[in-house]
Amino acid sequence: MFLIFVVFSINGSFATFIAKPLMSFIGLGKETTSAWVFWPVRIILIFIVYQTTLPIVGFCFGQFDFF
């Protein structure tokens, strides 16, 4: 059970860490984009990255069957 919590925490941190460079790649900066556009797009992007990388991180910790 502890490893599952570790996978969730690492993956959540990874998803939020990766979202910033992806937002820059898309061309949406916090300074140049309205907050009404920036934050919903960032939250959706974090959700997509999180769901995509969860099985990968789970596999690295031997918990792929759980995810």
Protein backbone atom coordinates (compact mmCIF):
# COMPACT_ATOMS: atom_id res chain seq x y z
CA MET A 1 0.00 0.00 0.00
CA PHE A 2 2.88 2.34 0.76
CA LEU A 3 4.28 1.96 -2.77
CA ILE A 4 0.93 2.91 -4.25
CA PHE A 5 0.94 6.15 -2.26
CA VAL A 6 4.51 6.81 -3.40
CA VAL A 7 3.49 6.29 -7.04
CA PHE A 8 0.59 8.74 -6.68
CA SER A 9 2.76 11.38 -5.02
CA ILE A 10 5.63 11.10 -7.49
CA ASN A 11 3.29 11.13 -10.45
CA GLY A 12 1.41 14.19 -9.17
CA SER A 13 4.63 16.09 -8.65
CA PHE A 14 5.90 15.01 -12.06
CA ALA A 15 2.69 16.10 -13.81
CA THR A 16 2.79 19.58 -12.28
CA PHE A 17 6.53 19.88 -13.00
CA ILE A 18 6.07 18.96 -16.67
CA ALA A 19 3.06 21.27 -17.15
CA LYS A 20 5.14 24.46 -17.02
CA PRO A 21 7.45 23.63 -19.96
CA LEU A 22 4.50 22.26 -21.93
CA MET A 23 2.59 25.50 -21.41
CA SER A 24 5.62 27.42 -22.66
CA PHE A 25 5.87 25.09 -25.66
CA ILE A 26 2.22 25.74 -26.49
CA GLY A 27 2.90 29.46 -26.17
CA LEU A 28 0.73 30.20 -23.14
CA GLY A 29 2.70 32.14 -20.57
CA LYS A 30 1.33 33.38 -17.27
CA GLU A 31 2.39 36.92 -18.11
CA THR A 32 0.96 36.98 -21.64
CA THR A 33 -2.26 35.01 -21.22
CA SER A 34 -5.42 35.86 -19.33
CA ALA A 35 -5.83 33.94 -16.08
CA TRP A 36 -9.26 32.82 -17.32
CA VAL A 37 -7.50 30.95 -20.14
CA PHE A 38 -4.19 30.06 -18.52
CA TRP A 39 -5.41 28.19 -15.42
CA PRO A 40 -8.12 26.03 -17.03
CA VAL A 41 -5.71 25.00 -19.80
CA ARG A 42 -2.99 24.25 -17.26
CA ILE A 43 -5.33 22.16 -15.08
CA ILE A 44 -6.54 20.19 -18.10
CA LEU A 45 -2.94 19.69 -19.22
CA ILE A 46 -1.91 18.46 -15.76
CA PHE A 47 -4.83 16.03 -15.79
CA ILE A 48 -3.83 14.65 -19.21
CA VAL A 49 -0.17 14.31 -18.24
CA TYR A 50 -1.14 12.68 -14.93
CA GLN A 51 -3.38 10.09 -16.57
CA THR A 52 -0.80 9.35 -19.25
CA THR A 53 2.18 8.92 -16.94
CA LEU A 54 0.43 7.10 -14.08
CA PRO A 55 0.82 3.61 -15.65
CA ILE A 56 4.44 4.39 -16.57
CA VAL A 57 5.39 5.47 -13.04
CA GLY A 58 3.40 2.54 -11.64
CA PHE A 59 5.34 0.18 -13.86
CA CYS A 60 8.65 1.61 -12.63
CA PHE A 61 7.62 0.77 -9.06
CA GLY A 62 6.25 -2.67 -9.92
CA GLN A 63 2.64 -1.59 -9.36
CA PHE A 64 1.42 -1.69 -12.97
CA ASP A 65 -1.34 -4.20 -12.17
CA PHE A 66 -2.89 -1.77 -9.69
CA PHE A 67 -3.09 1.00 -12.27
